[in-house]
Amino acid sequence: MRIELTSIFVDDQRKALAFYTDVLGFEKHHDIPLGGAAWLTVTSPEGGAELLLEPSDHPAVKPYRDALVEDGIPLAQFAVDDLAAEHARLTGLGVEFTQQPTDIGTALVAVLDDTCGNLIQLIQMK
């Protein structure tokens, strides 16, 4: 068994696609129109599971995400090889971090705002 697809709710699919590709460095994998939305996925250039940029239209999404953001809880986590370098690169691109790189013992972590309603944690395992 393996994870093939996971999703993240986004306020605006096109804005999310731009952020996840142009800023974070993922690649567009699927972009299939479905009426007013799309089956829109990105993948890492290094391979792995697809990330579905899913519209946040369901009524349960807003209170769920608002509560997570209010408590500073990331909705997803992405691994990086060099957190300091990635933090510097993303900060240079104007990305807002809600938690600066922090040593938590077994890893280094930082949390960013994806501009689409979510907090994302970056992790570098030691």
C-alpha atoms as a PDB file:
ATOM      1  CA  MET A   1       0.000   0.000   0.000  1.00  0.00           C
ATOM      2  CA  ARG A   2       1.208   3.525  -0.735  1.00  0.00           C
ATOM      3  CA  ILE A   3      -0.108   7.062  -0.717  1.00  0.00           C
ATOM      4  CA  GLU A   4      -0.939   8.011  -4.292  1.00  0.00           C
ATOM      5  CA  LEU A   5      -2.919  11.214  -3.761  1.00  0.00           C
ATOM      6  CA  THR A   6      -3.644  13.566  -0.908  1.00  0.00           C
ATOM      7  CA  SER A   7      -5.448  16.872  -0.987  1.00  0.00           C
ATOM      8  CA  ILE A   8      -5.294  20.335   0.449  1.00  0.00           C
ATOM      9  CA  PHE A   9      -8.208  22.761   0.375  1.00  0.00           C
ATOM     10  CA  VAL A  10      -7.471  26.060  -1.355  1.00  0.00           C
ATOM     11  CA  ASP A  11      -9.468  29.271  -1.683  1.00  0.00           C
ATOM     12  CA  ASP A  12      -8.517  29.828  -5.319  1.00  0.00           C
ATOM     13  CA  GLN A  13      -7.194  26.991  -7.479  1.00  0.00           C
ATOM     14  CA  ARG A  14      -5.330  29.205  -9.970  1.00  0.00           C
ATOM     15  CA  LYS A  15      -3.686  31.258  -7.220  1.00  0.00           C
ATOM     16  CA  ALA A  16      -2.757  28.027  -5.452  1.00  0.00           C
ATOM     17  CA  LEU A  17      -1.313  26.551  -8.645  1.00  0.00           C
ATOM     18  CA  ALA A  18       0.887  29.618  -9.090  1.00  0.00           C
ATOM     19  CA  PHE A  19       2.091  29.475  -5.476  1.00  0.00           C
ATOM     20  CA  TYR A  20       2.721  25.741  -5.405  1.00  0.00           C
ATOM     21  CA  THR A  21       4.544  25.738  -8.759  1.00  0.00           C
ATOM     22  CA  ASP A  22       6.205  29.150  -9.123  1.00  0.00           C
ATOM     23  CA  VAL A  23       7.117  29.594  -5.451  1.00  0.00           C
ATOM     24  CA  LEU A  24       7.349  26.162  -3.840  1.00  0.00           C
ATOM     25  CA  GLY A  25       8.692  24.443  -6.960  1.00  0.00           C
ATOM     26  CA  PHE A  26       6.143  21.691  -7.514  1.00  0.00           C
ATOM     27  CA  GLU A  27       5.103  20.758 -11.059  1.00  0.00           C
ATOM     28  CA  LYS A  28       1.566  20.738 -12.463  1.00  0.00           C
ATOM     29  CA  HIS A  29       0.504  17.138 -13.046  1.00  0.00           C
ATOM     30  CA  HIS A  30      -3.228  17.204 -13.874  1.00  0.00           C
ATOM     31  CA  ASP A  31      -5.421  20.134 -14.844  1.00  0.00           C
ATOM     32  CA  ILE A  32      -8.775  18.699 -15.890  1.00  0.00           C
ATOM     33  CA  PRO A  33     -11.722  21.145 -16.087  1.00  0.00           C
ATOM     34  CA  LEU A  34     -14.756  20.099 -14.018  1.00  0.00           C
ATOM     35  CA  GLY A  35     -17.278  22.862 -14.532  1.00  0.00           C
ATOM     36  CA  GLY A  36     -16.285  25.814 -12.348  1.00  0.00           C
ATOM     37  CA  ALA A  37     -13.333  23.976 -10.826  1.00  0.00           C
ATOM     38  CA  ALA A  38     -10.680  21.529 -11.958  1.00  0.00           C
ATOM     39  CA  TRP A  39      -9.038  18.270 -10.975  1.00  0.00           C
ATOM     40  CA  LEU A  40      -5.795  20.114 -10.345  1.00  0.00           C
ATOM     41  CA  THR A  41      -2.785  18.285  -8.962  1.00  0.00           C
ATOM     42  CA  VAL A  42       0.876  19.031  -8.458  1.00  0.00           C
ATOM     43  CA  THR A  43       3.812  16.740  -7.775  1.00  0.00           C
ATOM     44  CA  SER A  44       7.348  17.104  -6.584  1.00  0.00           C
ATOM     45  CA  PRO A  45      10.001  17.019  -9.316  1.00  0.00           C
ATOM     46  CA  GLU A  46      11.538  14.293  -7.126  1.00  0.00           C
ATOM     47  CA  GLY A  47       8.449  12.063  -7.473  1.00  0.00           C
ATOM     48  CA  GLY A  48       5.989  10.844  -4.865  1.00  0.00           C
ATOM     49  CA  ALA A  49       2.296  11.373  -4.294  1.00  0.00           C
ATOM     50  CA  GLU A  50       0.146  13.905  -6.110  1.00  0.00           C
ATOM     51  CA  LEU A  51      -1.225  16.853  -4.149  1.00  0.00           C
ATOM     52  CA  LEU A  52      -4.775  17.781  -5.159  1.00  0.00           C
ATOM     53  CA  LEU A  53      -5.457  21.516  -4.914  1.00  0.00           C
ATOM     54  CA  GLU A  54      -9.076  21.072  -3.959  1.00  0.00           C
ATOM     55  CA  PRO A  55     -11.651  23.880  -3.882  1.00  0.00           C
ATOM     56  CA  SER A  56     -12.628  24.871  -0.348  1.00  0.00           C
ATOM     57  CA  ASP A  57     -16.356  25.165  -1.140  1.00  0.00           C
ATOM     58  CA  HIS A  58     -17.630  22.590   1.366  1.00  0.00           C
ATOM     59  CA  PRO A  59     -19.162  24.357   4.410  1.00  0.00           C
ATOM     60  CA  ALA A  60     -17.039  22.324   6.860  1.00  0.00           C
ATOM     61  CA  VAL A  61     -13.765  23.515   5.342  1.00  0.00           C
ATOM     62  CA  LYS A  62     -13.749  27.149   6.500  1.00  0.00           C
ATOM     63  CA  PRO A  63     -14.288  26.546  10.237  1.00  0.00           C
ATOM     64  CA  TYR A  64     -11.823  23.628  10.143  1.00  0.00           C
ATOM     65  CA  ARG A  65      -9.058  25.610   8.433  1.00  0.00           C
ATOM     66  CA  ASP A  66      -9.745  28.765  10.456  1.00  0.00           C
ATOM     67  CA  ALA A  67      -9.358  26.779  13.686  1.00  0.00           C
ATOM     68  CA  LEU A  68      -6.091  25.223  12.496  1.00  0.00           C
ATOM     69  CA  VAL A  69      -4.642  28.587  11.434  1.00  0.00           C
ATOM     70  CA  GLU A  70      -5.773  30.247  14.669  1.00  0.00           C
ATOM     71  CA  ASP A  71      -3.974  27.543  16.660  1.00  0.00           C
ATOM     72  CA  GLY A  72      -0.918  27.656  14.362  1.00  0.00           C
ATOM     73  CA  ILE A  73      -1.387  24.064  13.221  1.00  0.00           C
ATOM     74  CA  PRO A  74      -0.102  23.213   9.732  1.00  0.00           C
ATOM     75  CA  LEU A  75      -2.470  21.389   7.394  1.00  0.00           C
ATOM     76  CA  ALA A  76       0.362  19.642   5.546  1.00  0.00           C
ATOM     77  CA  GLN A  77       4.072  18.978   5.862  1.00  0.00           C
ATOM     78  CA  PHE A  78       6.686  18.940   3.097  1.00  0.00           C
ATOM     79  CA  ALA A  79      10.206  17.584   3.498  1.00  0.00           C
ATOM     80  CA  VAL A  80      13.248  19.600   2.447  1.00  0.00           C
ATOM     81  CA  ASP A  81      16.934  18.707   2.395  1.00  0.00           C
ATOM     82  CA  ASP A  82      18.198  22.073   3.674  1.00  0.00           C
ATOM     83  CA  LEU A  83      15.687  24.073   5.691  1.00  0.00           C
ATOM     84  CA  ALA A  84      17.945  27.114   6.113  1.00  0.00           C
ATOM     85  CA  ALA A  85      18.474  27.416   2.357  1.00  0.00           C
ATOM     86  CA  GLU A  86      14.784  26.834   1.574  1.00  0.00           C
ATOM     87  CA  HIS A  87      13.733  29.379   4.194  1.00  0.00           C
ATOM     88  CA  ALA A  88      16.118  31.960   2.717  1.00  0.00           C
ATOM     89  CA  ARG A  89      14.920  31.237  -0.838  1.00  0.00           C
ATOM     90  CA  LEU A  90      11.239  31.465   0.083  1.00  0.00           C
ATOM     91  CA  THR A  91      11.700  34.558   2.260  1.00  0.00           C
ATOM     92  CA  GLY A  92      13.422  36.175  -0.719  1.00  0.00           C
ATOM     93  CA  LEU A  93      10.318  35.433  -2.771  1.00  0.00           C
ATOM     94  CA  GLY A  94       8.117  37.156  -0.188  1.00  0.00           C
ATOM     95  CA  VAL A  95       6.732  34.050   1.529  1.00  0.00           C
ATOM     96  CA  GLU A  96       5.457  34.775   5.036  1.00  0.00           C
ATOM     97  CA  PHE A  97       6.572  32.383   7.762  1.00  0.00           C
ATOM     98  CA  THR A  98       4.463  32.052  10.901  1.00  0.00           C
ATOM     99  CA  GLN A  99       7.218  30.008  12.555  1.00  0.00           C
ATOM    100  CA  GLN A 100      10.862  30.599  11.782  1.00  0.00           C
ATOM    101  CA  PRO A 101      13.207  27.604  11.464  1.00  0.00           C
ATOM    102  CA  THR A 102      13.225  25.838  14.812  1.00  0.00           C
ATOM    103  CA  ASP A 103      15.279  22.918  16.090  1.00  0.00           C
ATOM    104  CA  ILE A 104      12.897  20.396  17.679  1.00  0.00           C
ATOM    105  CA  GLY A 105      15.534  17.784  18.444  1.00  0.00           C
ATOM    106  CA  THR A 106      15.085  15.166  15.744  1.00  0.00           C
ATOM    107  CA  ALA A 107      14.333  17.714  13.015  1.00  0.00           C
ATOM    108  CA  LEU A 108      14.304  21.338  11.980  1.00  0.00           C
ATOM    109  CA  VAL A 109      10.875  22.795  11.168  1.00  0.00           C
ATOM    110  CA  ALA A 110       9.376  26.042   9.906  1.00  0.00           C
ATOM    111  CA  VAL A 111       5.787  26.986   9.074  1.00  0.00           C
ATOM    112  CA  LEU A 112       4.678  29.140   6.150  1.00  0.00           C
ATOM    113  CA  ASP A 113       1.420  30.658   4.954  1.00  0.00           C
ATOM    114  CA  ASP A 114       0.530  29.272   1.518  1.00  0.00           C
ATOM    115  CA  THR A 115      -1.584  32.386   0.687  1.00  0.00           C
ATOM    116  CA  CYS A 116      -4.527  30.039  -0.018  1.00  0.00           C
ATOM    117  CA  GLY A 117      -5.859  29.554   3.525  1.00  0.00           C
ATOM    118  CA  ASN A 118      -3.374  27.031   4.927  1.00  0.00           C
ATOM    119  CA  LEU A 119      -0.288  26.782   7.060  1.00  0.00           C
ATOM    120  CA  ILE A 120       2.360  24.433   5.673  1.00  0.00           C
ATOM    121  CA  GLN A 121       5.182  22.966   7.716  1.00  0.00           C
ATOM    122  CA  LEU A 122       8.590  22.392   6.156  1.00  0.00           C
ATOM    123  CA  ILE A 123      10.730  19.738   7.828  1.00  0.00           C
ATOM    124  CA  GLN A 124      14.354  18.712   7.549  1.00  0.00           C
ATOM    125  CA  MET A 125      15.024  15.481   9.398  1.00  0.00           C
ATOM    126  CA  LYS A 126      18.375  15.292  11.174  1.00  0.00           C
END
